[in-house]
Amino acid sequence: MSTERQSGGTPRRERSGVYVDTVRWMENLTETQYAYLLLSPALLLLGVIALWPLLSTFRLSLFSDSLGAAAVGGFLGLENYVAILTGERSALLPSPFLPQSLTVDALFGSALAVTLVFTVISVSFETLIGFVQALVLDKEFSGRRWVRVAIILPWAIPIVVQGMIFFLMFQPNVGFLVGTADNPALLNRLGLLTTTPLANAQDATMIVIVADVWKTTAFMALLILAGMQSIDRSLFDVAKVAGASPWQRFKFITLPIILPTVLVAMLFRTIQAMRIYGLIETVSGCTTVPSLSCLVVTTFSNRMLGSSATIAFVTAAIIGIVVSVYIVGYARGEL
């Protein structure tokens, strides 16, 4: 379709149509709007891939547990959420979702409490130790490449192999860290472990935390080291000329620049830690150390599909809240 216009006495033919109008609309977009336009297909695909399983899980959580050959039972609405979050279904679950009391045994028997304890302790130690390792690796010294290999090596070990290593280390009559009731080892004499630590919820949880810190600290160290390598070295030279001490250079140059990298690394590790399953299953088993992922897998294996989907959706919601706290806190400058 075309039209004619009289401009300065000279006729000019102007095209129109959907294609032309779309091109003109794109030309009038700002750089930010144009960037979002280019990203929209990828964001749409990612949204479908991420949201469809989540919505399907939520739909399944609205039905009762299967008691026969049917995949799901009758429609219950939000009753599964009420029963699990209030503790009404704790007796039917392999392990309670919420702690039944505030005692130590009840806390380490709750899937939610164990997951939170594991996440907080493991991520805190991994961040602290990884930060120290990154500071060491950022310096020039002889043999630095071999030190990097030694730090990265635990991260390269598969989870199943790592789990079996720690299982054997703390297995009575097999591991060198645990003795027997007649011949206790040093850790037993100090009261740090019982003679059957992998059968004790508190001891087994601490062992899983140590195993996770041993393996995943390298991940934190590499991310933090990448942030340190991006710092302009001339800033340190200027600070030295100005008389700044090493602590002042770290406080006013290194820390502010790498803080966003540290927060991103902590965010990734927090998400991974809250989904812990494989390490627990290979070291001590989900019956000894319950976690949210363990509870989802166990209830699903027992054909408690409604409860399994409910716990899975609640777990996803908790992870979403944690991610939102990171993002909002960082945007406001509070983290």
Protein backbone atom coordinates (compact mmCIF):
# COMPACT_ATOMS: atom_id res chain seq x y z
CA MET A 1 0.00 0.00 0.00
CA SER A 2 1.32 3.46 -0.84
CA THR A 3 0.23 7.08 -0.75
CA GLU A 4 1.37 10.24 -2.51
CA ARG A 5 2.25 13.53 -0.89
CA GLN A 6 3.03 16.95 -2.32
CA SER A 7 6.16 18.27 -0.64
CA GLY A 8 7.63 21.49 -2.03
CA GLY A 9 5.91 20.91 -5.35
CA THR A 10 7.63 17.52 -5.81
CA PRO A 11 5.52 14.38 -5.51
CA ARG A 12 6.92 11.76 -3.07
CA ARG A 13 5.74 8.20 -2.64
CA GLU A 14 5.61 7.02 0.98
CA ARG A 15 5.30 3.34 1.86
CA SER A 16 3.22 2.02 4.71
CA GLY A 17 2.22 -1.34 6.09
CA VAL A 18 2.83 -3.61 9.03
CA TYR A 19 6.51 -4.23 8.24
CA VAL A 20 7.29 -0.55 7.67
CA ASP A 21 5.38 0.52 10.77
CA THR A 22 7.24 -2.08 12.84
CA VAL A 23 10.62 -0.88 11.59
CA ARG A 24 9.72 2.73 12.39
CA TRP A 25 8.52 1.71 15.83
CA MET A 26 11.82 -0.06 16.51
CA GLU A 27 13.79 2.97 15.32
CA ASN A 28 12.03 5.13 17.91
CA LEU A 29 12.91 2.84 20.83
CA THR A 30 15.50 3.86 23.38
CA GLU A 31 18.64 1.78 23.82
CA THR A 32 17.22 0.16 26.96
CA GLN A 33 13.92 -0.68 25.28
CA TYR A 34 15.73 -2.08 22.25
CA ALA A 35 17.92 -4.25 24.49
CA TYR A 36 14.84 -5.69 26.21
CA LEU A 37 13.29 -6.29 22.81
CA LEU A 38 16.29 -8.36 21.71
CA LEU A 39 16.26 -10.28 24.98
CA SER A 40 12.52 -10.95 24.94
CA PRO A 41 12.70 -14.28 23.00
CA ALA A 42 15.28 -15.68 25.40
CA LEU A 43 13.36 -14.39 28.43
CA LEU A 44 10.13 -15.88 27.08
CA LEU A 45 11.77 -19.27 26.51
CA LEU A 46 13.40 -19.18 29.95
CA GLY A 47 10.08 -18.24 31.53
CA VAL A 48 8.31 -21.16 29.89
CA ILE A 49 11.03 -23.62 30.89
CA ALA A 50 11.15 -22.35 34.48
CA LEU A 51 7.48 -21.61 35.11
CA TRP A 52 5.83 -24.61 33.48
CA PRO A 53 7.32 -27.23 35.90
CA LEU A 54 6.58 -24.91 38.81
CA LEU A 55 2.95 -24.46 37.80
CA SER A 56 2.62 -28.19 37.17
CA THR A 57 3.99 -28.89 40.66
CA PHE A 58 1.56 -26.43 42.19
CA ARG A 59 -1.35 -28.08 40.38
CA LEU A 60 -0.29 -31.49 41.68
CA SER A 61 -0.02 -30.11 45.23
CA LEU A 62 -3.74 -29.34 45.21
CA PHE A 63 -4.61 -33.06 45.20
CA SER A 64 -4.43 -35.65 47.93
CA ASP A 65 -1.82 -38.41 48.14
CA SER A 66 -2.39 -41.40 45.92
CA LEU A 67 -3.65 -44.44 47.83
CA GLY A 68 -4.06 -46.79 44.88
CA ALA A 69 -3.26 -47.15 41.23
CA ALA A 70 -4.33 -43.58 40.41
CA ALA A 71 -1.56 -41.02 39.93
CA VAL A 72 -3.23 -38.53 42.27
CA GLY A 73 -6.11 -38.55 44.68
CA GLY A 74 -9.02 -36.18 45.08
CA PHE A 75 -8.89 -32.41 44.88
CA LEU A 76 -8.09 -30.77 48.25
CA GLY A 77 -7.24 -27.20 47.36
CA LEU A 78 -4.75 -25.72 49.84
CA GLU A 79 -5.33 -28.36 52.54
CA ASN A 80 -1.94 -29.96 51.87
CA TYR A 81 -0.19 -26.66 52.59
CA VAL A 82 -2.15 -26.14 55.80
CA ALA A 83 -1.49 -29.70 56.99
CA ILE A 84 2.27 -29.52 56.31
CA LEU A 85 2.89 -25.97 57.54
CA THR A 86 0.93 -26.57 60.75
CA GLY A 87 2.53 -29.94 61.44
CA GLU A 88 -0.71 -31.93 61.13
CA ARG A 89 0.88 -34.34 58.65
CA SER A 90 4.25 -34.70 60.38
CA ALA A 91 3.40 -38.16 61.70
CA LEU A 92 2.74 -39.43 58.17
CA LEU A 93 5.89 -37.96 56.64
CA PRO A 94 9.27 -39.75 56.69
CA SER A 95 10.57 -36.80 58.73
CA PRO A 96 8.76 -33.71 60.08
CA PHE A 97 8.74 -30.63 57.89
CA LEU A 98 8.73 -28.30 60.92
CA PRO A 99 10.42 -28.99 64.28
CA GLN A 100 7.97 -30.43 66.79
CA SER A 101 9.65 -28.54 69.64
CA LEU A 102 12.65 -26.33 70.30
CA THR A 103 14.87 -29.11 71.60
CA VAL A 104 18.10 -29.98 69.81
CA ASP A 105 16.83 -33.43 68.80
CA ALA A 106 13.64 -31.96 67.35
CA LEU A 107 15.54 -29.30 65.39
CA PHE A 108 17.91 -31.85 63.83
CA GLY A 109 14.95 -34.08 63.03
CA SER A 110 13.14 -31.37 61.05
CA ALA A 111 13.75 -31.06 57.30
CA LEU A 112 13.35 -27.28 57.28
CA ALA A 113 15.55 -26.70 60.35
CA VAL A 114 18.32 -28.98 59.08
CA THR A 115 18.28 -27.29 55.66
CA LEU A 116 18.52 -23.82 57.18
CA VAL A 117 21.27 -24.84 59.62
CA PHE A 118 23.22 -26.50 56.83
CA THR A 119 22.82 -23.49 54.51
CA VAL A 120 23.81 -20.83 57.03
CA ILE A 121 26.85 -22.66 58.42
CA SER A 122 28.20 -24.04 55.15
CA VAL A 123 27.79 -20.84 53.13
CA SER A 124 29.33 -18.75 55.92
CA PHE A 125 32.43 -20.94 56.22
CA GLU A 126 32.77 -21.35 52.46
CA THR A 127 32.67 -17.60 51.97
CA LEU A 128 35.18 -16.89 54.73
CA ILE A 129 37.65 -19.62 53.76
CA GLY A 130 37.20 -18.92 50.04
CA PHE A 131 37.92 -15.25 50.66
CA VAL A 132 41.17 -16.11 52.44
CA GLN A 133 42.17 -18.52 49.67
CA ALA A 134 41.44 -15.89 47.03
CA LEU A 135 43.61 -13.35 48.86
CA VAL A 136 46.47 -15.86 48.91
CA LEU A 137 46.09 -16.83 45.26
CA ASP A 138 45.96 -13.18 44.23
CA LYS A 139 49.57 -12.73 45.34
CA GLU A 140 52.61 -13.57 43.24
CA PHE A 141 54.69 -16.40 44.74
CA SER A 142 56.57 -19.46 43.63
CA GLY A 143 54.38 -22.50 43.07
CA ARG A 144 51.13 -20.54 42.85
CA ARG A 145 49.78 -22.69 40.02
CA TRP A 146 50.23 -25.84 42.10
CA VAL A 147 48.45 -24.25 45.03
CA ARG A 148 45.55 -23.39 42.70
CA VAL A 149 45.38 -27.01 41.55
CA ALA A 150 45.35 -28.21 45.15
CA ILE A 151 42.49 -25.85 46.01
CA ILE A 152 40.44 -26.72 42.93
CA LEU A 153 40.96 -30.50 43.19
CA PRO A 154 38.23 -31.17 45.83
CA TRP A 155 35.69 -29.31 43.70
CA ALA A 156 36.46 -31.63 40.75
CA ILE A 157 35.65 -34.79 42.72
CA PRO A 158 32.13 -36.15 41.99
CA ILE A 159 29.63 -35.91 44.83
CA VAL A 160 29.18 -39.69 45.05
CA VAL A 161 32.93 -40.26 45.37
CA GLN A 162 33.23 -37.47 47.92
CA GLY A 163 30.32 -38.88 49.91
CA MET A 164 31.89 -42.34 50.03
CA ILE A 165 35.20 -40.83 51.17
CA PHE A 166 33.57 -39.15 54.16
CA PHE A 167 31.36 -42.18 54.79
CA LEU A 168 34.43 -44.40 55.14
CA MET A 169 36.33 -41.80 57.18
CA PHE A 170 33.64 -41.78 59.85
CA GLN A 171 32.63 -45.43 59.67
CA PRO A 172 33.40 -47.32 62.92
CA ASN A 173 36.08 -50.03 62.58
CA VAL A 174 36.94 -48.62 59.13
CA GLY A 175 37.59 -44.89 59.36
CA PHE A 176 40.55 -43.45 61.23
CA LEU A 177 38.53 -40.58 62.74
CA VAL A 178 36.07 -42.72 64.67
CA GLY A 179 36.78 -45.51 67.12
CA THR A 180 34.60 -47.95 68.98
CA ALA A 181 33.12 -47.94 72.45
CA ASP A 182 36.05 -50.06 73.68
CA ASN A 183 38.70 -48.15 71.73
CA PRO A 184 37.49 -44.56 71.12
CA ALA A 185 39.40 -42.27 68.79
CA LEU A 186 40.61 -38.76 69.61
CA LEU A 187 37.40 -37.08 68.41
CA ASN A 188 35.40 -39.45 70.58
CA ARG A 189 37.53 -38.72 73.64
CA LEU A 190 37.12 -34.97 73.10
CA GLY A 191 33.36 -35.40 73.00
CA LEU A 192 33.09 -34.01 69.46
CA LEU A 193 31.64 -37.21 68.00
CA THR A 194 29.91 -40.32 69.22
CA THR A 195 31.23 -43.74 68.27
CA THR A 196 28.47 -44.03 65.66
CA PRO A 197 28.36 -40.50 64.21
CA LEU A 198 26.68 -41.43 60.91
CA ALA A 199 23.70 -42.79 62.84
CA ASN A 200 23.39 -39.65 64.97
CA ALA A 201 21.51 -36.73 63.40
CA GLN A 202 23.63 -34.00 65.00
CA ASP A 203 26.99 -35.62 64.26
CA ALA A 204 25.98 -36.62 60.74
CA THR A 205 24.76 -33.09 59.96
CA MET A 206 28.09 -31.62 61.05
CA ILE A 207 29.96 -34.21 58.97
CA VAL A 208 27.90 -33.32 55.90
CA ILE A 209 28.64 -29.64 56.51
CA VAL A 210 32.38 -30.32 56.75
CA ALA A 211 32.22 -32.39 53.54
CA ASP A 212 30.37 -29.62 51.71
CA VAL A 213 32.78 -26.93 52.91
CA TRP A 214 35.76 -29.09 51.88
CA LYS A 215 34.39 -29.50 48.37
CA THR A 216 32.69 -26.19 47.55
CA THR A 217 35.07 -23.66 49.09
CA ALA A 218 37.04 -23.78 45.83
CA PHE A 219 33.96 -22.51 43.96
CA MET A 220 33.78 -19.46 46.21
CA ALA A 221 37.54 -18.90 45.99
CA LEU A 222 37.52 -18.93 42.19
CA LEU A 223 34.65 -16.46 41.91
CA ILE A 224 36.17 -14.09 44.46
CA LEU A 225 39.60 -14.43 42.82
CA ALA A 226 38.04 -13.47 39.47
CA GLY A 227 36.75 -10.30 41.10
CA MET A 228 40.16 -9.52 42.56
CA GLN A 229 41.90 -10.05 39.22
CA SER A 230 39.66 -7.37 37.68
CA ILE A 231 40.91 -4.66 40.07
CA ASP A 232 43.14 -2.03 38.48
CA ARG A 233 46.57 -2.53 40.11
CA SER A 234 47.43 1.13 39.71
CA LEU A 235 44.96 1.85 42.52
CA PHE A 236 47.18 -0.03 44.95
CA ASP A 237 50.27 1.81 43.71
CA VAL A 238 48.59 5.17 44.28
CA ALA A 239 47.47 4.05 47.74
CA LYS A 240 51.00 2.97 48.64
CA VAL A 241 52.38 6.35 47.55
CA ALA A 242 49.72 8.02 49.69
CA GLY A 243 50.92 6.01 52.70
CA ALA A 244 47.96 3.65 53.02
CA SER A 245 48.58 0.54 55.10
CA PRO A 246 47.79 -2.97 53.77
CA TRP A 247 44.60 -3.03 55.86
CA GLN A 248 43.53 0.36 54.49
CA ARG A 249 44.17 -0.80 50.93
CA PHE A 250 42.07 -3.88 51.56
CA LYS A 251 39.28 -1.94 53.29
CA PHE A 252 38.96 0.95 50.86
CA ILE A 253 39.98 -0.66 47.54
CA THR A 254 39.72 -4.44 47.51
CA LEU A 255 36.60 -4.97 49.61
CA PRO A 256 34.27 -2.41 47.98
CA ILE A 257 35.21 -3.55 44.46
CA ILE A 258 34.81 -7.29 45.00
CA LEU A 259 31.76 -7.06 47.29
CA PRO A 260 29.27 -7.50 44.39
CA THR A 261 31.18 -10.61 43.28
CA VAL A 262 31.09 -12.02 46.81
CA LEU A 263 27.33 -11.44 47.02
CA VAL A 264 26.73 -13.17 43.69
CA ALA A 265 28.85 -16.14 44.81
CA MET A 266 26.94 -16.32 48.11
CA LEU A 267 23.64 -16.21 46.24
CA PHE A 268 24.62 -19.14 44.02
CA ARG A 269 25.90 -21.16 46.96
CA THR A 270 22.80 -20.41 49.05
CA ILE A 271 20.54 -21.73 46.29
CA GLN A 272 22.68 -24.86 45.91
CA ALA A 273 22.89 -25.44 49.65
CA MET A 274 19.12 -25.26 50.11
CA ARG A 275 18.78 -28.02 47.49
CA ILE A 276 21.27 -30.35 49.19
CA TYR A 277 20.47 -34.02 48.57
CA GLY A 278 23.20 -36.10 46.94
CA LEU A 279 25.87 -35.49 49.58
CA ILE A 280 23.48 -36.33 52.41
CA GLU A 281 22.31 -39.53 50.73
CA THR A 282 25.84 -40.80 50.12
CA VAL A 283 27.32 -39.85 53.51
CA SER A 284 24.62 -40.74 56.03
CA GLY A 285 21.28 -41.16 54.27
CA CYS A 286 18.15 -39.04 54.36
CA THR A 287 16.74 -41.00 57.27
CA THR A 288 19.52 -39.67 59.52
CA VAL A 289 19.92 -36.16 58.08
CA PRO A 290 16.60 -34.94 56.69
CA SER A 291 16.54 -32.00 54.31
CA LEU A 292 13.85 -30.44 52.16
CA SER A 293 15.09 -32.18 49.01
CA CYS A 294 15.39 -35.46 50.89
CA LEU A 295 11.82 -35.09 52.08
CA VAL A 296 10.58 -34.40 48.55
CA VAL A 297 12.35 -37.45 47.11
CA THR A 298 11.29 -39.76 49.95
CA THR A 299 7.62 -38.77 49.87
CA PHE A 300 7.60 -39.09 46.08
CA SER A 301 9.13 -42.58 46.32
CA ASN A 302 6.38 -43.50 48.80
CA ARG A 303 3.76 -42.32 46.26
CA MET A 304 2.72 -39.42 48.50
CA LEU A 305 2.48 -37.28 45.39
CA GLY A 306 0.35 -34.48 46.81
CA SER A 307 2.59 -34.04 49.85
CA SER A 308 5.74 -34.32 47.73
CA ALA A 309 4.54 -31.61 45.33
CA THR A 310 3.49 -29.38 48.24
CA ILE A 311 6.90 -29.64 49.93
CA ALA A 312 8.64 -29.06 46.59
CA PHE A 313 6.59 -25.93 45.91
CA VAL A 314 7.17 -24.59 49.45
CA THR A 315 10.90 -25.25 49.01
CA ALA A 316 10.88 -23.30 45.75
CA ALA A 317 9.01 -20.47 47.46
CA ILE A 318 11.57 -20.33 50.29
CA ILE A 319 14.43 -20.23 47.78
CA GLY A 320 12.61 -17.48 45.89
CA ILE A 321 12.26 -15.44 49.08
CA VAL A 322 15.98 -15.84 49.85
CA VAL A 323 16.91 -14.76 46.31
CA SER A 324 14.59 -11.74 46.59
CA VAL A 325 16.23 -10.71 49.87
CA TYR A 326 19.66 -10.86 48.21
CA ILE A 327 18.53 -8.86 45.18
CA VAL A 328 16.50 -6.23 47.05
CA GLY A 329 19.17 -5.85 49.74
CA TYR A 330 21.91 -5.43 47.16
CA ALA A 331 19.84 -2.91 45.17
CA ARG A 332 19.33 -0.83 48.31
CA GLY A 333 22.98 -1.07 49.26
CA GLU A 334 22.21 -2.96 52.49
CA LEU A 335 24.12 -6.10 51.45
